[in-house]
Amino acid sequence: MLTGWSTPTPSRRQFSGGQEEGDFRAGLEPLLLAVTYQGAVDGMLGYLDAHPDTDATSFAATVADVLLDGLARPRRLRRAFSEAR
């Protein structure tokens, strides 16, 4: 378990609640998920601030899609990691 990290409590609670409901994968540390989520949101906002001509709605939808559904199917991801060894 991660200790010593400070993150907005609602995010951590939302991830742990999502795990309890079966919406998010079990076995992942809710604090790590909250920190990752916040980092993605902060990065997105920084990019949008520096590039005001970017379609913010499409950008946010892509960030949400990647965070919630991932980059690759789990089977492909496992294969990619095993081939890299």
PDB file of N, CA and C in Angstrom:
ATOM      1  N   MET A   1       0.837  -1.182   0.000  1.00  0.00           N
ATOM      2  CA  MET A   1       0.000   0.000   0.000  1.00  0.00           C
ATOM      3  C   MET A   1       0.880   1.241   0.000  1.00  0.00           C
ATOM      4  N   LEU A   2       0.466   2.252  -0.737  1.00  0.00           N
ATOM      5  CA  LEU A   2       1.192   3.514  -0.760  1.00  0.00           C
ATOM      6  C   LEU A   2       0.896   4.292   0.504  1.00  0.00           C
ATOM      7  N   THR A   3       1.919   4.880   1.069  1.00  0.00           N
ATOM      8  CA  THR A   3       1.716   5.723   2.243  1.00  0.00           C
ATOM      9  C   THR A   3       2.419   7.042   2.024  1.00  0.00           C
ATOM     10  N   GLY A   4       1.991   8.048   2.744  1.00  0.00           N
ATOM     11  CA  GLY A   4       2.633   9.343   2.654  1.00  0.00           C
ATOM     12  C   GLY A   4       2.169  10.203   1.491  1.00  0.00           C
ATOM     13  N   TRP A   5       1.249   9.701   0.665  1.00  0.00           N
ATOM     14  CA  TRP A   5       0.748  10.478  -0.456  1.00  0.00           C
ATOM     15  C   TRP A   5      -0.513  11.212  -0.038  1.00  0.00           C
ATOM     16  N   SER A   6      -0.654  12.392  -0.579  1.00  0.00           N
ATOM     17  CA  SER A   6      -1.864  13.167  -0.323  1.00  0.00           C
ATOM     18  C   SER A   6      -2.578  13.359  -1.655  1.00  0.00           C
ATOM     19  N   THR A   7      -3.824  13.027  -1.687  1.00  0.00           N
ATOM     20  CA  THR A   7      -4.625  13.189  -2.900  1.00  0.00           C
ATOM     21  C   THR A   7      -6.037  13.552  -2.472  1.00  0.00           C
ATOM     22  N   PRO A   8      -6.774  14.208  -3.347  1.00  0.00           N
ATOM     23  CA  PRO A   8      -8.153  14.530  -2.979  1.00  0.00           C
ATOM     24  C   PRO A   8      -8.913  13.277  -2.554  1.00  0.00           C
ATOM     25  N   THR A   9      -9.436  13.294  -1.358  1.00  0.00           N
ATOM     26  CA  THR A   9     -10.121  12.132  -0.801  1.00  0.00           C
ATOM     27  C   THR A   9     -11.263  11.629  -1.675  1.00  0.00           C
ATOM     28  N   PRO A  10     -12.077  12.504  -2.269  1.00  0.00           N
ATOM     29  CA  PRO A  10     -13.167  11.964  -3.093  1.00  0.00           C
ATOM     30  C   PRO A  10     -12.676  11.062  -4.216  1.00  0.00           C
ATOM     31  N   SER A  11     -11.542  11.376  -4.848  1.00  0.00           N
ATOM     32  CA  SER A  11     -11.039  10.534  -5.935  1.00  0.00           C
ATOM     33  C   SER A  11     -10.700   9.147  -5.423  1.00  0.00           C
ATOM     34  N   ARG A  12     -10.000   9.084  -4.322  1.00  0.00           N
ATOM     35  CA  ARG A  12      -9.627   7.782  -3.748  1.00  0.00           C
ATOM     36  C   ARG A  12     -10.876   6.997  -3.372  1.00  0.00           C
ATOM     37  N   ARG A  13     -11.830   7.669  -2.766  1.00  0.00           N
ATOM     38  CA  ARG A  13     -13.080   7.001  -2.385  1.00  0.00           C
ATOM     39  C   ARG A  13     -13.851   6.545  -3.616  1.00  0.00           C
ATOM     40  N   GLN A  14     -13.830   7.348  -4.679  1.00  0.00           N
ATOM     41  CA  GLN A  14     -14.542   6.958  -5.890  1.00  0.00           C
ATOM     42  C   GLN A  14     -13.942   5.696  -6.494  1.00  0.00           C
ATOM     43  N   PHE A  15     -12.616   5.600  -6.500  1.00  0.00           N
ATOM     44  CA  PHE A  15     -11.990   4.405  -7.055  1.00  0.00           C
ATOM     45  C   PHE A  15     -12.238   3.185  -6.183  1.00  0.00           C
ATOM     46  N   SER A  16     -12.131   3.336  -4.872  1.00  0.00           N
ATOM     47  CA  SER A  16     -12.392   2.175  -4.012  1.00  0.00           C
ATOM     48  C   SER A  16     -13.860   1.767  -4.098  1.00  0.00           C
ATOM     49  N   GLY A  17     -14.754   2.739  -4.183  1.00  0.00           N
ATOM     50  CA  GLY A  17     -16.173   2.429  -4.355  1.00  0.00           C
ATOM     51  C   GLY A  17     -16.435   1.733  -5.681  1.00  0.00           C
ATOM     52  N   GLY A  18     -15.765   2.192  -6.728  1.00  0.00           N
ATOM     53  CA  GLY A  18     -15.904   1.547  -8.032  1.00  0.00           C
ATOM     54  C   GLY A  18     -15.410   0.117  -8.023  1.00  0.00           C
ATOM     55  N   GLN A  19     -14.358  -0.142  -7.237  1.00  0.00           N
ATOM     56  CA  GLN A  19     -13.871  -1.511  -7.102  1.00  0.00           C
ATOM     57  C   GLN A  19     -14.885  -2.370  -6.351  1.00  0.00           C
ATOM     58  N   GLU A  20     -15.452  -1.822  -5.295  1.00  0.00           N
ATOM     59  CA  GLU A  20     -16.446  -2.564  -4.517  1.00  0.00           C
ATOM     60  C   GLU A  20     -17.678  -2.891  -5.350  1.00  0.00           C
ATOM     61  N   GLU A  21     -18.047  -1.984  -6.243  1.00  0.00           N
ATOM     62  CA  GLU A  21     -19.218  -2.202  -7.103  1.00  0.00           C
ATOM     63  C   GLU A  21     -18.904  -3.088  -8.304  1.00  0.00           C
ATOM     64  N   GLY A  22     -17.629  -3.356  -8.543  1.00  0.00           N
ATOM     65  CA  GLY A  22     -17.238  -4.177  -9.677  1.00  0.00           C
ATOM     66  C   GLY A  22     -17.025  -3.399 -10.957  1.00  0.00           C
ATOM     67  N   ASP A  23     -17.043  -2.071 -10.880  1.00  0.00           N
ATOM     68  CA  ASP A  23     -16.835  -1.246 -12.071  1.00  0.00           C
ATOM     69  C   ASP A  23     -15.361  -1.122 -12.439  1.00  0.00           C
ATOM     70  N   PHE A  24     -14.481  -1.170 -11.441  1.00  0.00           N
ATOM     71  CA  PHE A  24     -13.041  -1.075 -11.660  1.00  0.00           C
ATOM     72  C   PHE A  24     -12.384  -2.371 -11.215  1.00  0.00           C
ATOM     73  N   ARG A  25     -11.250  -2.671 -11.802  1.00  0.00           N
ATOM     74  CA  ARG A  25     -10.512  -3.881 -11.461  1.00  0.00           C
ATOM     75  C   ARG A  25     -10.155  -3.910  -9.989  1.00  0.00           C
ATOM     76  N   ALA A  26     -10.357  -5.042  -9.379  1.00  0.00           N
ATOM     77  CA  ALA A  26      -9.951  -5.239  -7.994  1.00  0.00           C
ATOM     78  C   ALA A  26      -8.445  -5.449  -7.959  1.00  0.00           C
ATOM     79  N   GLY A  27      -7.858  -5.244  -6.813  1.00  0.00           N
ATOM     80  CA  GLY A  27      -6.443  -5.513  -6.650  1.00  0.00           C
ATOM     81  C   GLY A  27      -5.537  -4.347  -6.989  1.00  0.00           C
ATOM     82  N   LEU A  28      -6.091  -3.267  -7.497  1.00  0.00           N
ATOM     83  CA  LEU A  28      -5.302  -2.074  -7.777  1.00  0.00           C
ATOM     84  C   LEU A  28      -5.461  -1.110  -6.603  1.00  0.00           C
ATOM     85  N   GLU A  29      -4.379  -0.482  -6.219  1.00  0.00           N
ATOM     86  CA  GLU A  29      -4.400   0.440  -5.088  1.00  0.00           C
ATOM     87  C   GLU A  29      -5.207   1.701  -5.451  1.00  0.00           C
ATOM     88  N   PRO A  30      -6.304   1.983  -4.741  1.00  0.00           N
ATOM     89  CA  PRO A  30      -7.120   3.161  -5.047  1.00  0.00           C
ATOM     90  C   PRO A  30      -6.333   4.476  -5.021  1.00  0.00           C
ATOM     91  N   LEU A  31      -5.371   4.593  -4.127  1.00  0.00           N
ATOM     92  CA  LEU A  31      -4.575   5.819  -4.083  1.00  0.00           C
ATOM     93  C   LEU A  31      -3.744   5.974  -5.348  1.00  0.00           C
ATOM     94  N   LEU A  32      -3.136   4.889  -5.819  1.00  0.00           N
ATOM     95  CA  LEU A  32      -2.367   4.943  -7.056  1.00  0.00           C
ATOM     96  C   LEU A  32      -3.266   5.319  -8.231  1.00  0.00           C
ATOM     97  N   LEU A  33      -4.471   4.768  -8.266  1.00  0.00           N
ATOM     98  CA  LEU A  33      -5.424   5.116  -9.314  1.00  0.00           C
ATOM     99  C   LEU A  33      -5.788   6.596  -9.254  1.00  0.00           C
ATOM    100  N   ALA A  34      -6.013   7.110  -8.047  1.00  0.00           N
ATOM    101  CA  ALA A  34      -6.372   8.520  -7.880  1.00  0.00           C
ATOM    102  C   ALA A  34      -5.231   9.433  -8.310  1.00  0.00           C
ATOM    103  N   VAL A  35      -3.998   9.078  -7.953  1.00  0.00           N
ATOM    104  CA  VAL A  35      -2.841   9.885  -8.344  1.00  0.00           C
ATOM    105  C   VAL A  35      -2.662   9.866  -9.857  1.00  0.00           C
ATOM    106  N   THR A  36      -2.819   8.685 -10.467  1.00  0.00           N
ATOM    107  CA  THR A  36      -2.708   8.558 -11.918  1.00  0.00           C
ATOM    108  C   THR A  36      -3.785   9.385 -12.616  1.00  0.00           C
ATOM    109  N   TYR A  37      -5.001   9.270 -12.136  1.00  0.00           N
ATOM    110  CA  TYR A  37      -6.124  10.038 -12.692  1.00  0.00           C
ATOM    111  C   TYR A  37      -5.844  11.532 -12.603  1.00  0.00           C
ATOM    112  N   GLN A  38      -5.426  11.994 -11.418  1.00  0.00           N
ATOM    113  CA  GLN A  38      -5.194  13.422 -11.236  1.00  0.00           C
ATOM    114  C   GLN A  38      -4.060  13.909 -12.127  1.00  0.00           C
ATOM    115  N   GLY A  39      -3.016  13.089 -12.280  1.00  0.00           N
ATOM    116  CA  GLY A  39      -1.914  13.454 -13.166  1.00  0.00           C
ATOM    117  C   GLY A  39      -2.367  13.599 -14.608  1.00  0.00           C
ATOM    118  N   ALA A  40      -3.227  12.702 -15.052  1.00  0.00           N
ATOM    119  CA  ALA A  40      -3.744  12.781 -16.423  1.00  0.00           C
ATOM    120  C   ALA A  40      -4.590  14.028 -16.616  1.00  0.00           C
ATOM    121  N   VAL A  41      -5.425  14.333 -15.645  1.00  0.00           N
ATOM    122  CA  VAL A  41      -6.271  15.522 -15.734  1.00  0.00           C
ATOM    123  C   VAL A  41      -5.415  16.789 -15.711  1.00  0.00           C
ATOM    124  N   ASP A  42      -4.443  16.843 -14.804  1.00  0.00           N
ATOM    125  CA  ASP A  42      -3.562  18.014 -14.734  1.00  0.00           C
ATOM    126  C   ASP A  42      -2.786  18.198 -16.031  1.00  0.00           C
ATOM    127  N   GLY A  43      -2.278  17.095 -16.572  1.00  0.00           N
ATOM    128  CA  GLY A  43      -1.553  17.171 -17.845  1.00  0.00           C
ATOM    129  C   GLY A  43      -2.446  17.647 -18.976  1.00  0.00           C
ATOM    130  N   MET A  44      -3.676  17.150 -19.011  1.00  0.00           N
ATOM    131  CA  MET A  44      -4.621  17.571 -20.038  1.00  0.00           C
ATOM    132  C   MET A  44      -4.907  19.065 -19.927  1.00  0.00           C
ATOM    133  N   LEU A  45      -5.151  19.526 -18.705  1.00  0.00           N
ATOM    134  CA  LEU A  45      -5.462  20.943 -18.512  1.00  0.00           C
ATOM    135  C   LEU A  45      -4.279  21.827 -18.885  1.00  0.00           C
ATOM    136  N   GLY A  46      -3.073  21.391 -18.550  1.00  0.00           N
ATOM    137  CA  GLY A  46      -1.880  22.146 -18.933  1.00  0.00           C
ATOM    138  C   GLY A  46      -1.727  22.227 -20.444  1.00  0.00           C
ATOM    139  N   TYR A  47      -1.976  21.114 -21.117  1.00  0.00           N
ATOM    140  CA  TYR A  47      -1.890  21.098 -22.574  1.00  0.00           C
ATOM    141  C   TYR A  47      -2.950  22.017 -23.186  1.00  0.00           C
ATOM    142  N   LEU A  48      -4.158  21.909 -22.692  1.00  0.00           N
ATOM    143  CA  LEU A  48      -5.241  22.744 -23.235  1.00  0.00           C
ATOM    144  C   LEU A  48      -4.974  24.224 -22.995  1.00  0.00           C
ATOM    145  N   ASP A  49      -4.373  24.553 -21.864  1.00  0.00           N
ATOM    146  CA  ASP A  49      -4.032  25.948 -21.580  1.00  0.00           C
ATOM    147  C   ASP A  49      -2.983  26.457 -22.563  1.00  0.00           C
ATOM    148  N   ALA A  50      -2.006  25.610 -22.899  1.00  0.00           N
ATOM    149  CA  ALA A  50      -0.942  26.004 -23.817  1.00  0.00           C
ATOM    150  C   ALA A  50      -1.371  25.941 -25.283  1.00  0.00           C
ATOM    151  N   HIS A  51      -2.436  25.197 -25.570  1.00  0.00           N
ATOM    152  CA  HIS A  51      -2.929  25.027 -26.946  1.00  0.00           C
ATOM    153  C   HIS A  51      -4.436  25.303 -26.994  1.00  0.00           C
ATOM    154  N   PRO A  52      -4.816  26.564 -26.878  1.00  0.00           N
ATOM    155  CA  PRO A  52      -6.244  26.896 -26.786  1.00  0.00           C
ATOM    156  C   PRO A  52      -7.066  26.539 -28.020  1.00  0.00           C
ATOM    157  N   ASP A  53      -6.410  26.237 -29.131  1.00  0.00           N
ATOM    158  CA  ASP A  53      -7.152  25.868 -30.338  1.00  0.00           C
ATOM    159  C   ASP A  53      -7.541  24.394 -30.349  1.00  0.00           C
ATOM    160  N   THR A  54      -7.116  23.643 -29.353  1.00  0.00           N
ATOM    161  CA  THR A  54      -7.439  22.218 -29.255  1.00  0.00           C
ATOM    162  C   THR A  54      -8.899  22.028 -28.873  1.00  0.00           C
ATOM    163  N   ASP A  55      -9.534  21.038 -29.471  1.00  0.00           N
ATOM    164  CA  ASP A  55     -10.923  20.700 -29.133  1.00  0.00           C
ATOM    165  C   ASP A  55     -10.933  20.041 -27.752  1.00  0.00           C
ATOM    166  N   ALA A  56     -11.274  20.816 -26.729  1.00  0.00           N
ATOM    167  CA  ALA A  56     -11.213  20.350 -25.343  1.00  0.00           C
ATOM    168  C   ALA A  56     -12.166  19.182 -25.085  1.00  0.00           C
ATOM    169  N   THR A  57     -13.321  19.186 -25.687  1.00  0.00           N
ATOM    170  CA  THR A  57     -14.293  18.111 -25.469  1.00  0.00           C
ATOM    171  C   THR A  57     -13.765  16.790 -26.010  1.00  0.00           C
ATOM    172  N   SER A  58     -13.208  16.801 -27.212  1.00  0.00           N
ATOM    173  CA  SER A  58     -12.651  15.590 -27.804  1.00  0.00           C
ATOM    174  C   SER A  58     -11.430  15.120 -27.019  1.00  0.00           C
ATOM    175  N   PHE A  59     -10.594  16.058 -26.614  1.00  0.00           N
ATOM    176  CA  PHE A  59      -9.393  15.724 -25.849  1.00  0.00           C
ATOM    177  C   PHE A  59      -9.790  15.056 -24.537  1.00  0.00           C
ATOM    178  N   ALA A  60     -10.744  15.647 -23.827  1.00  0.00           N
ATOM    179  CA  ALA A  60     -11.195  15.097 -22.545  1.00  0.00           C
ATOM    180  C   ALA A  60     -11.833  13.719 -22.733  1.00  0.00           C
ATOM    181  N   ALA A  61     -12.584  13.540 -23.806  1.00  0.00           N
ATOM    182  CA  ALA A  61     -13.203  12.238 -24.071  1.00  0.00           C
ATOM    183  C   ALA A  61     -12.136  11.173 -24.315  1.00  0.00           C
ATOM    184  N   THR A  62     -11.064  11.528 -25.000  1.00  0.00           N
ATOM    185  CA  THR A  62      -9.986  10.577 -25.252  1.00  0.00           C
ATOM    186  C   THR A  62      -9.257  10.228 -23.963  1.00  0.00           C
ATOM    187  N   VAL A  63      -8.980  11.233 -23.135  1.00  0.00           N
ATOM    188  CA  VAL A  63      -8.323  10.973 -21.847  1.00  0.00           C
ATOM    189  C   VAL A  63      -9.202  10.046 -21.005  1.00  0.00           C
ATOM    190  N   ALA A  64     -10.491  10.320 -20.944  1.00  0.00           N
ATOM    191  CA  ALA A  64     -11.401   9.465 -20.173  1.00  0.00           C
ATOM    192  C   ALA A  64     -11.432   8.053 -20.736  1.00  0.00           C
ATOM    193  N   ASP A  65     -11.467   7.922 -22.055  1.00  0.00           N
ATOM    194  CA  ASP A  65     -11.488   6.603 -22.678  1.00  0.00           C
ATOM    195  C   ASP A  65     -10.229   5.816 -22.335  1.00  0.00           C
ATOM    196  N   VAL A  66      -9.074   6.449 -22.417  1.00  0.00           N
ATOM    197  CA  VAL A  66      -7.816   5.767 -22.108  1.00  0.00           C
ATOM    198  C   VAL A  66      -7.766   5.372 -20.635  1.00  0.00           C
ATOM    199  N   LEU A  67      -8.196   6.279 -19.752  1.00  0.00           N
ATOM    200  CA  LEU A  67      -8.161   5.969 -18.328  1.00  0.00           C
ATOM    201  C   LEU A  67      -9.134   4.856 -17.953  1.00  0.00           C
ATOM    202  N   LEU A  68     -10.308   4.873 -18.536  1.00  0.00           N
ATOM    203  CA  LEU A  68     -11.323   3.900 -18.151  1.00  0.00           C
ATOM    204  C   LEU A  68     -11.232   2.584 -18.910  1.00  0.00           C
ATOM    205  N   ASP A  69     -10.820   2.625 -20.166  1.00  0.00           N
ATOM    206  CA  ASP A  69     -10.779   1.398 -20.968  1.00  0.00           C
ATOM    207  C   ASP A  69      -9.368   0.952 -21.318  1.00  0.00           C
ATOM    208  N   GLY A  70      -8.377   1.771 -21.066  1.00  0.00           N
ATOM    209  CA  GLY A  70      -6.986   1.401 -21.319  1.00  0.00           C
ATOM    210  C   GLY A  70      -6.569   1.602 -22.756  1.00  0.00           C
ATOM    211  N   LEU A  71      -5.297   1.283 -22.997  1.00  0.00           N
ATOM    212  CA  LEU A  71      -4.726   1.445 -24.328  1.00  0.00           C
ATOM    213  C   LEU A  71      -4.850   0.186 -25.171  1.00  0.00           C
ATOM    214  N   ALA A  72      -4.808  -0.950 -24.513  1.00  0.00           N
ATOM    215  CA  ALA A  72      -4.825  -2.214 -25.240  1.00  0.00           C
ATOM    216  C   ALA A  72      -5.725  -3.203 -24.520  1.00  0.00           C
ATOM    217  N   ARG A  73      -6.165  -4.178 -25.237  1.00  0.00           N
ATOM    218  CA  ARG A  73      -6.919  -5.253 -24.608  1.00  0.00           C
ATOM    219  C   ARG A  73      -5.984  -5.975 -23.651  1.00  0.00           C
ATOM    220  N   PRO A  74      -6.487  -6.442 -22.522  1.00  0.00           N
ATOM    221  CA  PRO A  74      -5.604  -7.097 -21.537  1.00  0.00           C
ATOM    222  C   PRO A  74      -4.748  -8.212 -22.121  1.00  0.00           C
ATOM    223  N   ARG A  75      -5.290  -9.020 -23.010  1.00  0.00           N
ATOM    224  CA  ARG A  75      -4.522 -10.124 -23.579  1.00  0.00           C
ATOM    225  C   ARG A  75      -3.355  -9.601 -24.411  1.00  0.00           C
ATOM    226  N   ARG A  76      -3.604  -8.587 -25.212  1.00  0.00           N
ATOM    227  CA  ARG A  76      -2.536  -8.007 -26.025  1.00  0.00           C
ATOM    228  C   ARG A  76      -1.483  -7.358 -25.145  1.00  0.00           C
ATOM    229  N   LEU A  77      -1.899  -6.726 -24.083  1.00  0.00           N
ATOM    230  CA  LEU A  77      -0.964  -6.074 -23.180  1.00  0.00           C
ATOM    231  C   LEU A  77      -0.057  -7.105 -22.524  1.00  0.00           C
ATOM    232  N   ARG A  78      -0.619  -8.191 -22.070  1.00  0.00           N
ATOM    233  CA  ARG A  78       0.186  -9.256 -21.461  1.00  0.00           C
ATOM    234  C   ARG A  78       1.196  -9.805 -22.466  1.00  0.00           C
ATOM    235  N   ARG A  79       0.764  -9.999 -23.706  1.00  0.00           N
ATOM    236  CA  ARG A  79       1.649 -10.524 -24.748  1.00  0.00           C
ATOM    237  C   ARG A  79       2.787  -9.541 -25.024  1.00  0.00           C
ATOM    238  N   ALA A  80       2.482  -8.250 -25.077  1.00  0.00           N
ATOM    239  CA  ALA A  80       3.512  -7.247 -25.338  1.00  0.00           C
ATOM    240  C   ALA A  80       4.564  -7.235 -24.233  1.00  0.00           C
ATOM    241  N   PHE A  81       4.141  -7.366 -22.978  1.00  0.00           N
ATOM    242  CA  PHE A  81       5.089  -7.384 -21.874  1.00  0.00           C
ATOM    243  C   PHE A  81       5.934  -8.654 -21.888  1.00  0.00           C
ATOM    244  N   SER A  82       5.334  -9.786 -22.204  1.00  0.00           N
ATOM    245  CA  SER A  82       6.091 -11.036 -22.189  1.00  0.00           C
ATOM    246  C   SER A  82       7.095 -11.067 -23.357  1.00  0.00           C
ATOM    247  N   GLU A  83       6.756 -10.475 -24.496  1.00  0.00           N
ATOM    248  CA  GLU A  83       7.674 -10.424 -25.616  1.00  0.00           C
ATOM    249  C   GLU A  83       8.833  -9.477 -25.353  1.00  0.00           C
ATOM    250  N   ALA A  84       8.619  -8.445 -24.529  1.00  0.00           N
ATOM    251  CA  ALA A  84       9.659  -7.467 -24.236  1.00  0.00           C
ATOM    252  C   ALA A  84      10.735  -8.041 -23.305  1.00  0.00           C
ATOM    253  N   ARG A  85      10.442  -9.108 -22.628  1.00  0.00           N
ATOM    254  CA  ARG A  85      11.413  -9.705 -21.681  1.00  0.00           C
ATOM    255  C   ARG A  85      12.508 -10.405 -22.369  1.00  0.00           C
TER     256      ARG A  85
END
